[in-house]
Amino acid sequence: MRSVHAIVTDVGNVRERNEDHAGGDPERGVFLLADGMGGHPAGHLASRVAIDTALAFLTEKRVPGRARGRAEKLGQAILAANHAIFALGEQHEEVAGMGTTLVGMWLGKKHAHFAHVGDSRAYIYRDGEAQPITRDHTVLRELIDRGELTADAPEAAQIGHILTQAVGLEAEVTPDLSSLPVKRDDVFLLCSDGLSDLLKPPRIAELLNGAAQGDLEGKAAALIEAALAAGGHDNITVVLARQA
């Protein structure tokens, strides 16, 4: 399934190194985004290994026949990436403990399929609104879901990025899988938290308005610029895709 897409990344206003990485196989509608964990060794290496390993897994010739099979294969690609990163950490002490988020999308003719670990997100832009598809794997998200904390509570800023799981930190990881029907003019967004921390869904929708008929490269650049203007305290990476 060929797709129209844009992939844009920026180091941001504060960080010295970009630890995000993104890639894809647009002819098959496959896109991946990883955000290496700051404060851990070799986050930039973890994100690159995650993308390279998962993409190699997903670009094998065999394509699952069932729609749900594509979400499952995305999940398997994340497991492969987890194994590769964890093994590197065991073999090389200097990078032990490295980890990354990883979110993947497989955009088909009728359905879009997703798998993720961590707090890099997927959104759908439809009918003028942007809605999150993925659920963050963070302590904050779990507390909110249990009704023990609200997103605007003072403590939220302190624990907002404590991950409950990440790719490469442990020998085992459990990706979340999801699929949804695709409508004409849908636009899908994958992003690192350098964007989602600073731009709420209404602002994302405003910047994506008209993107289905317009220039996705320009829309991706506009998202990056808006995040930079809002502070740009982290690396910012954006993947936009829609059906050709």
C-alpha atoms as a PDB file:
ATOM      1  CA  MET A   1       0.000   0.000   0.000  1.00  0.00           C
ATOM      2  CA  ARG A   2       1.846   3.115  -1.213  1.00  0.00           C
ATOM      3  CA  SER A   3       1.440   6.135   1.049  1.00  0.00           C
ATOM      4  CA  VAL A   4       2.116   9.850   0.987  1.00  0.00           C
ATOM      5  CA  HIS A   5       4.325  10.696   3.930  1.00  0.00           C
ATOM      6  CA  ALA A   6       6.726  13.109   5.617  1.00  0.00           C
ATOM      7  CA  ILE A   7       9.390  12.438   8.255  1.00  0.00           C
ATOM      8  CA  VAL A   8      10.940  15.457  10.003  1.00  0.00           C
ATOM      9  CA  THR A   9      13.132  15.636  13.106  1.00  0.00           C
ATOM     10  CA  ASP A  10      14.804  18.426  15.069  1.00  0.00           C
ATOM     11  CA  VAL A  11      17.224  18.405  18.000  1.00  0.00           C
ATOM     12  CA  GLY A  12      15.166  21.089  19.770  1.00  0.00           C
ATOM     13  CA  ASN A  13      16.279  24.171  21.664  1.00  0.00           C
ATOM     14  CA  VAL A  14      17.968  22.517  24.645  1.00  0.00           C
ATOM     15  CA  ARG A  15      19.468  19.106  23.868  1.00  0.00           C
ATOM     16  CA  GLU A  16      22.912  18.773  22.290  1.00  0.00           C
ATOM     17  CA  ARG A  17      22.185  15.462  20.551  1.00  0.00           C
ATOM     18  CA  ASN A  18      19.138  14.104  18.773  1.00  0.00           C
ATOM     19  CA  GLU A  19      18.231  10.728  20.283  1.00  0.00           C
ATOM     20  CA  ASP A  20      15.090  10.316  18.177  1.00  0.00           C
ATOM     21  CA  HIS A  21      15.092   8.191  15.062  1.00  0.00           C
ATOM     22  CA  ALA A  22      12.387   7.420  12.497  1.00  0.00           C
ATOM     23  CA  GLY A  23      12.124   5.442   9.295  1.00  0.00           C
ATOM     24  CA  GLY A  24       9.788   3.434   7.154  1.00  0.00           C
ATOM     25  CA  ASP A  25       8.914   1.508   4.047  1.00  0.00           C
ATOM     26  CA  PRO A  26       6.400   3.874   2.389  1.00  0.00           C
ATOM     27  CA  GLU A  27       5.633   1.487  -0.459  1.00  0.00           C
ATOM     28  CA  ARG A  28       4.178  -0.910   2.107  1.00  0.00           C
ATOM     29  CA  GLY A  29       2.725   1.763   4.387  1.00  0.00           C
ATOM     30  CA  VAL A  30       5.116   0.941   7.244  1.00  0.00           C
ATOM     31  CA  PHE A  31       6.417   3.698   9.538  1.00  0.00           C
ATOM     32  CA  LEU A  32       8.375   3.588  12.796  1.00  0.00           C
ATOM     33  CA  LEU A  33       9.492   6.168  15.355  1.00  0.00           C
ATOM     34  CA  ALA A  34      11.757   5.723  18.390  1.00  0.00           C
ATOM     35  CA  ASP A  35      12.835   8.111  21.150  1.00  0.00           C
ATOM     36  CA  GLY A  36      16.022   7.045  22.951  1.00  0.00           C
ATOM     37  CA  MET A  37      15.735   7.402  26.719  1.00  0.00           C
ATOM     38  CA  GLY A  38      17.384  10.535  28.051  1.00  0.00           C
ATOM     39  CA  GLY A  39      19.518  10.011  31.149  1.00  0.00           C
ATOM     40  CA  HIS A  40      20.371   6.478  30.047  1.00  0.00           C
ATOM     41  CA  PRO A  41      23.512   5.412  28.200  1.00  0.00           C
ATOM     42  CA  ALA A  42      23.439   5.472  24.417  1.00  0.00           C
ATOM     43  CA  GLY A  43      19.819   6.487  23.916  1.00  0.00           C
ATOM     44  CA  HIS A  44      20.709   7.512  20.354  1.00  0.00           C
ATOM     45  CA  LEU A  45      22.064   4.021  19.689  1.00  0.00           C
ATOM     46  CA  ALA A  46      19.017   2.328  21.206  1.00  0.00           C
ATOM     47  CA  SER A  47      16.617   4.293  19.000  1.00  0.00           C
ATOM     48  CA  ARG A  48      18.609   3.572  15.847  1.00  0.00           C
ATOM     49  CA  VAL A  49      18.929  -0.149  16.601  1.00  0.00           C
ATOM     50  CA  ALA A  50      15.190  -0.275  17.345  1.00  0.00           C
ATOM     51  CA  ILE A  51      14.261   1.255  13.993  1.00  0.00           C
ATOM     52  CA  ASP A  52      16.785  -0.739  11.971  1.00  0.00           C
ATOM     53  CA  THR A  53      15.846  -4.058  13.599  1.00  0.00           C
ATOM     54  CA  ALA A  54      12.079  -3.537  13.469  1.00  0.00           C
ATOM     55  CA  LEU A  55      12.163  -2.261   9.884  1.00  0.00           C
ATOM     56  CA  ALA A  56      14.254  -5.230   8.738  1.00  0.00           C
ATOM     57  CA  PHE A  57      11.730  -7.542  10.380  1.00  0.00           C
ATOM     58  CA  LEU A  58       8.770  -5.796   8.754  1.00  0.00           C
ATOM     59  CA  THR A  59      10.206  -5.598   5.250  1.00  0.00           C
ATOM     60  CA  GLU A  60      10.387  -9.344   4.810  1.00  0.00           C
ATOM     61  CA  LYS A  61       8.536 -10.394   1.649  1.00  0.00           C
ATOM     62  CA  ARG A  62       5.679 -12.146   3.429  1.00  0.00           C
ATOM     63  CA  VAL A  63       2.707  -9.880   4.214  1.00  0.00           C
ATOM     64  CA  PRO A  64       0.124 -11.189   6.718  1.00  0.00           C
ATOM     65  CA  GLY A  65      -3.175 -11.943   5.012  1.00  0.00           C
ATOM     66  CA  ARG A  66      -5.433 -11.077   7.949  1.00  0.00           C
ATOM     67  CA  ALA A  67      -5.810  -7.446   8.925  1.00  0.00           C
ATOM     68  CA  ARG A  68      -5.109  -8.244  12.566  1.00  0.00           C
ATOM     69  CA  GLY A  69      -1.979 -10.083  11.440  1.00  0.00           C
ATOM     70  CA  ARG A  70      -0.322  -6.797  10.565  1.00  0.00           C
ATOM     71  CA  ALA A  71      -0.763  -5.420  14.082  1.00  0.00           C
ATOM     72  CA  GLU A  72       0.626  -8.673  15.421  1.00  0.00           C
ATOM     73  CA  LYS A  73       3.630  -8.453  13.110  1.00  0.00           C
ATOM     74  CA  LEU A  74       4.283  -4.893  14.277  1.00  0.00           C
ATOM     75  CA  GLY A  75       4.274  -6.236  17.814  1.00  0.00           C
ATOM     76  CA  GLN A  76       6.692  -8.989  16.820  1.00  0.00           C
ATOM     77  CA  ALA A  77       8.976  -6.380  15.256  1.00  0.00           C
ATOM     78  CA  ILE A  78       9.066  -4.553  18.588  1.00  0.00           C
ATOM     79  CA  LEU A  79       9.950  -7.810  20.334  1.00  0.00           C
ATOM     80  CA  ALA A  80      12.799  -8.301  17.847  1.00  0.00           C
ATOM     81  CA  ALA A  81      14.049  -4.776  18.549  1.00  0.00           C
ATOM     82  CA  ASN A  82      13.829  -5.368  22.283  1.00  0.00           C
ATOM     83  CA  HIS A  83      15.891  -8.543  21.983  1.00  0.00           C
ATOM     84  CA  ALA A  84      18.546  -6.810  19.847  1.00  0.00           C
ATOM     85  CA  ILE A  85      18.968  -3.852  22.211  1.00  0.00           C
ATOM     86  CA  PHE A  86      18.937  -5.940  25.380  1.00  0.00           C
ATOM     87  CA  ALA A  87      21.529  -8.308  23.888  1.00  0.00           C
ATOM     88  CA  LEU A  88      23.805  -5.382  23.000  1.00  0.00           C
ATOM     89  CA  GLY A  89      23.566  -4.142  26.576  1.00  0.00           C
ATOM     90  CA  GLU A  90      24.557  -7.547  27.922  1.00  0.00           C
ATOM     91  CA  GLN A  91      27.484  -7.823  25.503  1.00  0.00           C
ATOM     92  CA  HIS A  92      28.836  -4.275  25.963  1.00  0.00           C
ATOM     93  CA  GLU A  93      28.949  -2.877  29.489  1.00  0.00           C
ATOM     94  CA  GLU A  94      29.280   0.708  28.279  1.00  0.00           C
ATOM     95  CA  VAL A  95      25.755   0.631  26.804  1.00  0.00           C
ATOM     96  CA  ALA A  96      24.085  -1.584  29.422  1.00  0.00           C
ATOM     97  CA  GLY A  97      20.734  -0.135  30.430  1.00  0.00           C
ATOM     98  CA  MET A  98      20.029   1.680  27.182  1.00  0.00           C
ATOM     99  CA  GLY A  99      16.421   1.838  26.098  1.00  0.00           C
ATOM    100  CA  THR A 100      13.970   3.556  23.800  1.00  0.00           C
ATOM    101  CA  THR A 101      10.317   4.046  23.063  1.00  0.00           C
ATOM    102  CA  LEU A 102       9.024   2.586  19.805  1.00  0.00           C
ATOM    103  CA  VAL A 103       5.764   3.184  17.965  1.00  0.00           C
ATOM    104  CA  GLY A 104       4.939   1.612  14.625  1.00  0.00           C
ATOM    105  CA  MET A 105       2.150   1.947  12.060  1.00  0.00           C
ATOM    106  CA  TRP A 106       1.168  -0.232   9.116  1.00  0.00           C
ATOM    107  CA  LEU A 107      -1.224   1.728   6.904  1.00  0.00           C
ATOM    108  CA  GLY A 108      -3.348  -0.474   4.658  1.00  0.00           C
ATOM    109  CA  LYS A 109      -6.162   0.193   2.211  1.00  0.00           C
ATOM    110  CA  LYS A 110      -8.938  -0.431   4.727  1.00  0.00           C
ATOM    111  CA  HIS A 111      -7.279  -0.451   8.136  1.00  0.00           C
ATOM    112  CA  ALA A 112      -4.364   1.140   9.965  1.00  0.00           C
ATOM    113  CA  HIS A 113      -2.504  -1.015  12.473  1.00  0.00           C
ATOM    114  CA  PHE A 114      -0.396   0.107  15.406  1.00  0.00           C
ATOM    115  CA  ALA A 115       1.968  -1.267  18.036  1.00  0.00           C
ATOM    116  CA  HIS A 116       3.906   0.643  20.657  1.00  0.00           C
ATOM    117  CA  VAL A 117       5.946   0.576  23.830  1.00  0.00           C
ATOM    118  CA  GLY A 118       6.642   3.750  25.810  1.00  0.00           C
ATOM    119  CA  ASP A 119       5.240   7.260  25.420  1.00  0.00           C
ATOM    120  CA  SER A 120       5.855   8.075  21.773  1.00  0.00           C
ATOM    121  CA  ARG A 121       2.378   8.442  20.327  1.00  0.00           C
ATOM    122  CA  ALA A 122       0.141   7.844  17.334  1.00  0.00           C
ATOM    123  CA  TYR A 123      -2.720  10.211  16.490  1.00  0.00           C
ATOM    124  CA  ILE A 124      -5.416  10.223  13.846  1.00  0.00           C
ATOM    125  CA  TYR A 125      -6.526  13.469  12.218  1.00  0.00           C
ATOM    126  CA  ARG A 126     -10.089  13.080  10.948  1.00  0.00           C
ATOM    127  CA  ASP A 127     -12.931  15.517  10.276  1.00  0.00           C
ATOM    128  CA  GLY A 128     -10.962  18.452  11.656  1.00  0.00           C
ATOM    129  CA  GLU A 129     -10.001  16.796  14.958  1.00  0.00           C
ATOM    130  CA  ALA A 130      -6.840  15.073  16.212  1.00  0.00           C
ATOM    131  CA  GLN A 131      -7.321  12.124  18.557  1.00  0.00           C
ATOM    132  CA  PRO A 132      -4.676   9.953  20.245  1.00  0.00           C
ATOM    133  CA  ILE A 133      -4.625   6.286  19.256  1.00  0.00           C
ATOM    134  CA  THR A 134      -1.995   4.999  21.678  1.00  0.00           C
ATOM    135  CA  ARG A 135      -1.927   5.014  25.474  1.00  0.00           C
ATOM    136  CA  ASP A 136       1.304   6.106  27.147  1.00  0.00           C
ATOM    137  CA  HIS A 137       3.194   3.498  29.154  1.00  0.00           C
ATOM    138  CA  THR A 138       3.942   5.855  32.049  1.00  0.00           C
ATOM    139  CA  VAL A 139       3.360   5.962  35.783  1.00  0.00           C
ATOM    140  CA  LEU A 140       1.331   9.138  35.263  1.00  0.00           C
ATOM    141  CA  ARG A 141      -1.017   7.470  32.777  1.00  0.00           C
ATOM    142  CA  GLU A 142      -1.607   4.569  35.155  1.00  0.00           C
ATOM    143  CA  LEU A 143      -2.389   6.926  38.053  1.00  0.00           C
ATOM    144  CA  ILE A 144      -4.782   8.934  35.878  1.00  0.00           C
ATOM    145  CA  ASP A 145      -6.515   5.778  34.676  1.00  0.00           C
ATOM    146  CA  ARG A 146      -6.972   4.643  38.287  1.00  0.00           C
ATOM    147  CA  GLY A 147      -8.412   8.021  39.240  1.00  0.00           C
ATOM    148  CA  GLU A 148      -5.576   8.737  41.676  1.00  0.00           C
ATOM    149  CA  LEU A 149      -4.237  11.802  39.868  1.00  0.00           C
ATOM    150  CA  THR A 150      -5.258  14.329  37.242  1.00  0.00           C
ATOM    151  CA  ALA A 151      -3.150  15.424  34.296  1.00  0.00           C
ATOM    152  CA  ASP A 152      -2.949  18.996  35.630  1.00  0.00           C
ATOM    153  CA  ALA A 153      -1.980  18.040  39.194  1.00  0.00           C
ATOM    154  CA  PRO A 154       1.306  19.589  40.444  1.00  0.00           C
ATOM    155  CA  GLU A 155       2.886  16.135  40.773  1.00  0.00           C
ATOM    156  CA  ALA A 156       2.150  15.306  37.131  1.00  0.00           C
ATOM    157  CA  ALA A 157       5.101  17.288  35.779  1.00  0.00           C
ATOM    158  CA  GLN A 158       7.506  15.420  38.067  1.00  0.00           C
ATOM    159  CA  ILE A 159       6.435  11.901  37.105  1.00  0.00           C
ATOM    160  CA  GLY A 160       5.148  12.499  33.595  1.00  0.00           C
ATOM    161  CA  HIS A 161       8.021  10.720  31.875  1.00  0.00           C
ATOM    162  CA  ILE A 162       8.643   7.801  34.190  1.00  0.00           C
ATOM    163  CA  LEU A 163       8.058   4.881  31.826  1.00  0.00           C
ATOM    164  CA  THR A 164       6.457   1.653  32.971  1.00  0.00           C
ATOM    165  CA  GLN A 165       8.133  -0.179  30.090  1.00  0.00           C
ATOM    166  CA  ALA A 166      10.597   0.603  27.323  1.00  0.00           C
ATOM    167  CA  VAL A 167      12.287  -1.284  24.509  1.00  0.00           C
ATOM    168  CA  GLY A 168      15.635  -2.790  25.518  1.00  0.00           C
ATOM    169  CA  LEU A 169      15.577  -2.299  29.287  1.00  0.00           C
ATOM    170  CA  GLU A 170      14.360  -5.787  30.162  1.00  0.00           C
ATOM    171  CA  ALA A 171      14.509  -9.182  28.482  1.00  0.00           C
ATOM    172  CA  GLU A 172      10.731  -9.145  27.958  1.00  0.00           C
ATOM    173  CA  VAL A 173       8.371  -6.403  26.855  1.00  0.00           C
ATOM    174  CA  THR A 174       4.642  -6.336  26.035  1.00  0.00           C
ATOM    175  CA  PRO A 175       3.636  -4.067  23.140  1.00  0.00           C
ATOM    176  CA  ASP A 176       0.118  -2.682  22.910  1.00  0.00           C
ATOM    177  CA  LEU A 177      -1.605  -3.499  19.604  1.00  0.00           C
ATOM    178  CA  SER A 178      -4.521  -1.768  17.931  1.00  0.00           C
ATOM    179  CA  SER A 179      -6.240  -1.420  14.562  1.00  0.00           C
ATOM    180  CA  LEU A 180      -8.861   0.941  13.183  1.00  0.00           C
ATOM    181  CA  PRO A 181     -10.728   1.460   9.905  1.00  0.00           C
ATOM    182  CA  VAL A 182      -9.334   4.073   7.534  1.00  0.00           C
ATOM    183  CA  LYS A 183     -11.552   6.739   5.989  1.00  0.00           C
ATOM    184  CA  ARG A 184     -10.804   8.914   3.004  1.00  0.00           C
ATOM    185  CA  ASP A 185      -8.609  11.914   3.909  1.00  0.00           C
ATOM    186  CA  ASP A 186      -7.459  10.484   7.254  1.00  0.00           C
ATOM    187  CA  VAL A 187      -3.973  11.643   8.238  1.00  0.00           C
ATOM    188  CA  PHE A 188      -1.917   9.701  10.770  1.00  0.00           C
ATOM    189  CA  LEU A 189       0.722  11.199  13.021  1.00  0.00           C
ATOM    190  CA  LEU A 190       3.521   9.454  14.893  1.00  0.00           C
ATOM    191  CA  CYS A 191       5.520  11.693  17.222  1.00  0.00           C
ATOM    192  CA  SER A 192       7.984  11.740  20.075  1.00  0.00           C
ATOM    193  CA  ASP A 193       7.063  13.404  23.355  1.00  0.00           C
ATOM    194  CA  GLY A 194       9.028  16.474  22.313  1.00  0.00           C
ATOM    195  CA  LEU A 195       5.906  17.283  20.296  1.00  0.00           C
ATOM    196  CA  SER A 196       3.078  15.772  22.355  1.00  0.00           C
ATOM    197  CA  ASP A 197       4.288  17.435  25.575  1.00  0.00           C
ATOM    198  CA  LEU A 198       3.942  20.865  24.043  1.00  0.00           C
ATOM    199  CA  LEU A 199       1.081  20.633  21.558  1.00  0.00           C
ATOM    200  CA  LYS A 200      -2.352  19.453  22.660  1.00  0.00           C
ATOM    201  CA  PRO A 201      -4.741  17.776  20.186  1.00  0.00           C
ATOM    202  CA  PRO A 202      -6.655  20.971  19.277  1.00  0.00           C
ATOM    203  CA  ARG A 203      -3.396  22.705  18.326  1.00  0.00           C
ATOM    204  CA  ILE A 204      -2.223  19.658  16.366  1.00  0.00           C
ATOM    205  CA  ALA A 205      -5.541  19.637  14.498  1.00  0.00           C
ATOM    206  CA  GLU A 206      -5.225  23.337  13.736  1.00  0.00           C
ATOM    207  CA  LEU A 207      -1.795  22.797  12.182  1.00  0.00           C
ATOM    208  CA  LEU A 208      -2.965  19.740  10.237  1.00  0.00           C
ATOM    209  CA  ASN A 209      -6.085  21.417   8.888  1.00  0.00           C
ATOM    210  CA  GLY A 210      -6.245  20.691   5.182  1.00  0.00           C
ATOM    211  CA  ALA A 211      -3.277  18.306   5.340  1.00  0.00           C
ATOM    212  CA  ALA A 212      -5.114  15.529   3.503  1.00  0.00           C
ATOM    213  CA  GLN A 213      -5.157  17.656   0.362  1.00  0.00           C
ATOM    214  CA  GLY A 214      -2.003  19.615   1.114  1.00  0.00           C
ATOM    215  CA  ASP A 215       1.716  19.259   1.587  1.00  0.00           C
ATOM    216  CA  LEU A 216       2.564  16.815   4.383  1.00  0.00           C
ATOM    217  CA  GLU A 217       6.173  18.012   4.424  1.00  0.00           C
ATOM    218  CA  GLY A 218       4.914  21.524   5.111  1.00  0.00           C
ATOM    219  CA  LYS A 219       2.510  20.327   7.789  1.00  0.00           C
ATOM    220  CA  ALA A 220       5.248  18.314   9.504  1.00  0.00           C
ATOM    221  CA  ALA A 221       7.534  21.344   9.445  1.00  0.00           C
ATOM    222  CA  ALA A 222       4.736  23.479  10.927  1.00  0.00           C
ATOM    223  CA  LEU A 223       4.320  21.006  13.810  1.00  0.00           C
ATOM    224  CA  ILE A 224       8.060  21.094  14.510  1.00  0.00           C
ATOM    225  CA  GLU A 225       8.157  24.882  14.379  1.00  0.00           C
ATOM    226  CA  ALA A 226       5.210  25.161  16.766  1.00  0.00           C
ATOM    227  CA  ALA A 227       6.873  22.822  19.285  1.00  0.00           C
ATOM    228  CA  LEU A 228      10.109  24.822  19.043  1.00  0.00           C
ATOM    229  CA  ALA A 229       8.189  28.045  19.614  1.00  0.00           C
ATOM    230  CA  ALA A 230       6.513  26.486  22.672  1.00  0.00           C
ATOM    231  CA  GLY A 231       9.888  25.723  24.255  1.00  0.00           C
ATOM    232  CA  GLY A 232      11.473  22.883  22.341  1.00  0.00           C
ATOM    233  CA  HIS A 233      12.902  21.356  25.519  1.00  0.00           C
ATOM    234  CA  ASP A 234      13.383  17.931  23.917  1.00  0.00           C
ATOM    235  CA  ASN A 235      14.134  16.358  20.549  1.00  0.00           C
ATOM    236  CA  ILE A 236      11.095  16.576  18.264  1.00  0.00           C
ATOM    237  CA  THR A 237      10.236  14.021  15.596  1.00  0.00           C
ATOM    238  CA  VAL A 238       7.139  13.845  13.420  1.00  0.00           C
ATOM    239  CA  VAL A 239       5.932  11.234  10.933  1.00  0.00           C
ATOM    240  CA  LEU A 240       2.835  12.064   8.889  1.00  0.00           C
ATOM    241  CA  ALA A 241       1.202   9.604   6.505  1.00  0.00           C
ATOM    242  CA  ARG A 242      -1.973   9.134   4.515  1.00  0.00           C
ATOM    243  CA  GLN A 243      -3.107   6.897   1.712  1.00  0.00           C
ATOM    244  CA  ALA A 244      -1.900   7.900  -1.740  1.00  0.00           C
END
